[in-house]
Amino acid sequence: MAAMRRPRLLDLFCGAGGAAMGYSRAGFDVVGVDVVPQPQYPFPFVQADALRPPFRLEDFDAIHASPPCQGYSALRHLPWLKDRVYPLLLEPVRAMLAASGRPWVIENVERAPLDGIVLCGQDFGLPIYRHRRFGSNVLLLAPSHTAHDTVIGHGRMVNDRRKGKLNASSAKGAWGKQPVVTVAGGQCSKADAEQALGINWMPKSALMQAIPPAYTEFIGRQLLQVVAA
């Protein structure tokens, strides 16, 4: 008897593969596309413009996209970032995916203008908050949100040096002995970021942008039900 084919998922703006790993664990074969080389990407990868992917979208069973989030992030208002201009790609990405006729998911920061669910690392037993919003053309359910009981860095998310030096480990450095790690701005060790995200194959620079695979494994299992219907 021939083995059952695993459904295929196209991972656009794939980065180093945090989202891809979750979808793979859920049961998808994943192909990544990014305009930047991604030598650590753990699955087949093609370097190309994600807005003009070198594939027929209709040939995939589902599509995920993580367009740049900086233009929608609260951090863009920081004094040293306020004059920067970032691409706002949610609308063209959404239009492209809608035209494909396939189930799709778009991931971005919590404040992005995107209808959908918000996931938090605490809901998956991870020592991180890292809220991310997931919009889709299919109904996505979210787990119950665990209440936050730790204030990070005296209430400041980045550049709070009162608890130690930047880039020290979270156990002894910038975040004291708190049970929650933030990877924003690189203010933790690589080992702490790996533990917080559940990722062990990326350089620290990629970890700063990655989402936990637990998020997309959770979403991927919901997508599989739609694909199999």
Protein backbone atom coordinates (compact mmCIF):
# COMPACT_ATOMS: atom_id res chain seq x y z
CA MET A 1 0.00 0.00 0.00
CA ALA A 2 1.40 3.38 -0.99
CA ALA A 3 2.23 5.78 1.83
CA MET A 4 -0.22 8.62 2.27
CA ARG A 5 1.06 11.92 0.88
CA ARG A 6 1.71 14.60 3.45
CA PRO A 7 0.02 17.90 2.56
CA ARG A 8 2.32 20.65 1.29
CA LEU A 9 2.59 24.11 2.84
CA LEU A 10 4.30 27.13 1.28
CA ASP A 11 6.08 29.27 3.88
CA LEU A 12 6.46 32.85 2.58
CA PHE A 13 8.82 35.36 4.25
CA CYS A 14 10.09 32.23 5.95
CA GLY A 15 13.11 33.54 7.84
CA ALA A 16 15.15 30.83 9.51
CA GLY A 17 12.21 28.49 9.95
CA GLY A 18 10.53 28.92 13.34
CA ALA A 19 7.05 28.78 11.81
CA ALA A 20 8.10 26.07 9.35
CA MET A 21 9.19 23.69 12.10
CA GLY A 22 5.81 23.92 13.79
CA TYR A 23 3.95 23.17 10.58
CA SER A 24 6.24 20.23 9.89
CA ARG A 25 5.58 18.81 13.35
CA ALA A 26 1.86 19.20 12.70
CA GLY A 27 2.16 17.04 9.55
CA PHE A 28 2.99 19.30 6.58
CA ASP A 29 5.82 19.12 4.08
CA VAL A 30 7.10 22.69 4.03
CA VAL A 31 8.85 24.74 1.33
CA GLY A 32 10.26 28.14 2.33
CA VAL A 33 10.66 31.34 0.31
CA ASP A 34 12.55 34.44 1.40
CA VAL A 35 14.42 37.20 -0.42
CA VAL A 36 17.28 36.85 2.08
CA PRO A 37 19.46 33.70 2.07
CA GLN A 38 18.46 31.37 4.90
CA PRO A 39 21.22 28.77 5.28
CA GLN A 40 19.77 27.49 8.55
CA TYR A 41 16.28 26.88 7.15
CA PRO A 42 15.55 23.23 8.03
CA PHE A 43 13.45 22.38 4.95
CA PRO A 44 13.61 22.96 1.17
CA PHE A 45 14.24 26.65 0.55
CA VAL A 46 14.13 28.93 -2.48
CA GLN A 47 15.58 32.45 -2.39
CA ALA A 48 13.05 34.70 -4.10
CA ASP A 49 10.69 37.62 -3.55
CA ALA A 50 7.87 36.25 -1.40
CA LEU A 51 5.42 38.62 -3.13
CA ARG A 52 6.37 36.97 -6.44
CA PRO A 53 7.00 33.36 -5.41
CA PRO A 54 8.39 31.05 -8.08
CA PHE A 55 5.53 28.60 -7.53
CA ARG A 56 1.87 28.29 -8.38
CA LEU A 57 0.18 28.92 -5.06
CA GLU A 58 -2.62 26.59 -6.13
CA ASP A 59 -0.15 23.69 -6.11
CA PHE A 60 0.11 23.83 -2.32
CA ASP A 61 -2.47 22.63 0.17
CA ALA A 62 -1.99 25.63 2.47
CA ILE A 63 0.07 28.83 2.67
CA HIS A 64 1.66 30.68 5.57
CA ALA A 65 3.14 34.18 5.36
CA SER A 66 5.08 36.24 7.91
CA PRO A 67 5.56 39.61 6.18
CA PRO A 68 7.86 42.16 7.87
CA CYS A 69 6.40 43.29 11.18
CA GLN A 70 8.52 46.35 12.06
CA GLY A 71 6.08 48.81 10.49
CA TYR A 72 3.28 47.55 12.74
CA SER A 73 5.29 47.15 15.95
CA ALA A 74 5.05 49.46 18.95
CA LEU A 75 8.86 49.52 18.96
CA ARG A 76 8.85 51.67 15.82
CA HIS A 77 8.03 54.63 18.10
CA LEU A 78 11.31 54.33 20.02
CA PRO A 79 13.39 57.51 19.60
CA TRP A 80 16.16 55.80 17.64
CA LEU A 81 13.66 54.12 15.26
CA LYS A 82 10.94 56.75 14.78
CA ASP A 83 12.38 58.16 11.53
CA ARG A 84 12.79 54.80 9.83
CA VAL A 85 10.41 53.73 7.08
CA TYR A 86 9.32 50.11 7.02
CA PRO A 87 7.36 48.21 4.35
CA LEU A 88 3.67 47.69 5.07
CA LEU A 89 2.88 44.51 3.22
CA LEU A 90 -0.15 43.03 4.93
CA GLU A 91 -2.64 44.18 2.29
CA PRO A 92 -0.76 42.96 -0.81
CA VAL A 93 0.04 39.68 0.93
CA ARG A 94 -3.58 39.16 1.95
CA ALA A 95 -4.78 39.91 -1.59
CA MET A 96 -2.28 37.47 -3.08
CA LEU A 97 -3.24 34.67 -0.70
CA ALA A 98 -6.96 35.29 -1.12
CA ALA A 99 -6.58 34.93 -4.90
CA SER A 100 -4.96 31.51 -4.44
CA GLY A 101 -8.15 29.89 -3.20
CA ARG A 102 -6.12 27.92 -0.67
CA PRO A 103 -6.32 27.94 3.14
CA TRP A 104 -3.88 30.58 4.35
CA VAL A 105 -2.47 32.06 7.54
CA ILE A 106 -0.73 35.42 7.99
CA GLU A 107 1.39 36.00 11.10
CA ASN A 108 2.42 39.36 12.49
CA VAL A 109 2.76 41.37 15.69
CA GLU A 110 -0.20 41.76 18.01
CA ARG A 111 -0.88 45.36 16.93
CA ALA A 112 -0.96 44.59 13.22
CA PRO A 113 -4.26 45.43 11.43
CA LEU A 114 -5.13 41.77 11.04
CA ASP A 115 -8.24 39.99 12.26
CA GLY A 116 -7.45 36.76 14.02
CA ILE A 117 -6.23 35.08 17.17
CA VAL A 118 -3.31 36.07 19.40
CA LEU A 119 -0.99 33.40 20.80
CA CYS A 120 1.31 33.72 23.81
CA GLY A 121 4.24 31.52 24.80
CA GLN A 122 2.88 31.08 28.32
CA ASP A 123 -0.10 29.22 26.84
CA PHE A 124 2.30 26.57 25.54
CA GLY A 125 4.42 26.25 28.67
CA LEU A 126 7.23 28.41 27.29
CA PRO A 127 9.12 30.97 29.44
CA ILE A 128 8.25 33.81 27.08
CA TYR A 129 5.30 36.04 26.22
CA ARG A 130 5.98 37.03 22.56
CA HIS A 131 2.39 37.70 21.52
CA ARG A 132 1.78 37.13 17.84
CA ARG A 133 -1.41 37.58 15.82
CA PHE A 134 -2.54 35.01 13.25
CA GLY A 135 -5.15 35.90 10.65
CA SER A 136 -6.64 33.33 8.29
CA ASN A 137 -9.41 32.61 5.83
CA VAL A 138 -10.37 29.62 7.98
CA LEU A 139 -11.64 29.63 11.55
CA LEU A 140 -8.76 29.39 14.01
CA LEU A 141 -9.31 28.69 17.69
CA ALA A 142 -6.99 29.93 20.42
CA PRO A 143 -6.17 28.34 23.78
CA SER A 144 -7.15 30.07 26.99
CA HIS A 145 -4.70 32.89 27.65
CA THR A 146 -2.71 32.42 30.83
CA ALA A 147 -2.59 35.64 32.85
CA HIS A 148 0.81 37.34 32.92
CA ASP A 149 2.23 37.38 36.42
CA THR A 150 5.73 38.67 35.66
CA VAL A 151 6.64 42.26 34.82
CA ILE A 152 9.67 42.27 32.54
CA GLY A 153 12.44 44.75 33.27
CA HIS A 154 10.48 47.01 35.64
CA GLY A 155 7.76 47.29 33.00
CA ARG A 156 10.12 48.23 30.17
CA MET A 157 10.48 45.77 27.32
CA VAL A 158 13.89 46.87 26.05
CA ASN A 159 17.00 48.72 27.14
CA ASP A 160 16.36 48.49 30.89
CA ARG A 161 19.84 48.08 32.34
CA ARG A 162 18.95 48.28 35.99
CA LYS A 163 18.98 44.50 36.38
CA GLY A 164 22.33 43.85 34.75
CA LYS A 165 24.32 44.18 31.56
CA LEU A 166 22.83 43.62 28.13
CA ASN A 167 23.38 40.21 26.58
CA ALA A 168 24.05 38.58 29.94
CA SER A 169 22.00 35.46 30.62
CA SER A 170 18.51 36.07 31.91
CA ALA A 171 19.39 34.17 35.09
CA LYS A 172 22.08 36.71 36.04
CA GLY A 173 21.75 39.62 33.67
CA ALA A 174 19.19 41.98 32.22
CA TRP A 175 16.12 40.20 33.58
CA GLY A 176 17.36 39.05 36.98
CA LYS A 177 15.90 35.73 38.11
CA GLN A 178 12.52 36.17 36.49
CA PRO A 179 10.85 33.09 34.98
CA VAL A 180 10.04 34.94 31.73
CA VAL A 181 12.66 35.75 29.07
CA THR A 182 12.35 38.46 26.44
CA VAL A 183 14.43 38.16 23.30
CA ALA A 184 13.55 41.68 22.11
CA GLY A 185 16.67 43.67 21.36
CA GLY A 186 18.94 40.72 22.06
CA GLN A 187 18.89 41.34 25.80
CA CYS A 188 19.39 37.71 26.73
CA SER A 189 21.90 35.01 26.00
CA LYS A 190 21.52 32.76 22.95
CA ALA A 191 20.89 29.79 25.25
CA ASP A 192 18.07 31.63 27.02
CA ALA A 193 16.49 32.61 23.70
CA GLU A 194 16.67 29.01 22.48
CA GLN A 195 14.99 27.76 25.64
CA ALA A 196 12.31 30.46 25.54
CA LEU A 197 11.41 29.84 21.88
CA GLY A 198 11.96 26.08 21.68
CA ILE A 199 14.46 26.55 18.83
CA ASN A 200 18.01 25.18 18.64
CA TRP A 201 19.21 25.63 15.04
CA MET A 202 19.39 29.41 14.47
CA PRO A 203 22.00 32.08 15.15
CA LYS A 204 21.04 34.61 17.81
CA SER A 205 20.22 37.27 15.22
CA ALA A 206 17.53 35.01 13.74
CA LEU A 207 16.17 34.08 17.16
CA MET A 208 15.36 37.74 17.76
CA GLN A 209 12.79 37.58 14.93
CA ALA A 210 11.53 34.00 15.24
CA ILE A 211 8.23 32.74 16.57
CA PRO A 212 8.01 29.57 18.67
CA PRO A 213 7.27 26.45 16.58
CA ALA A 214 4.65 25.59 19.21
CA TYR A 215 2.45 28.34 17.77
CA THR A 216 2.33 26.99 14.23
CA GLU A 217 2.17 23.37 15.35
CA PHE A 218 -1.03 24.33 17.16
CA ILE A 219 -2.36 26.21 14.11
CA GLY A 220 -1.12 23.55 11.69
CA ARG A 221 -3.21 20.87 13.35
CA GLN A 222 -6.28 23.03 12.74
CA LEU A 223 -5.27 23.59 9.13
CA LEU A 224 -4.88 19.86 8.59
CA GLN A 225 -8.53 19.37 9.46
CA VAL A 226 -9.51 21.89 6.76
CA VAL A 227 -7.15 20.39 4.16
CA ALA A 228 -8.42 16.86 4.85
CA ALA A 229 -12.10 17.85 4.68
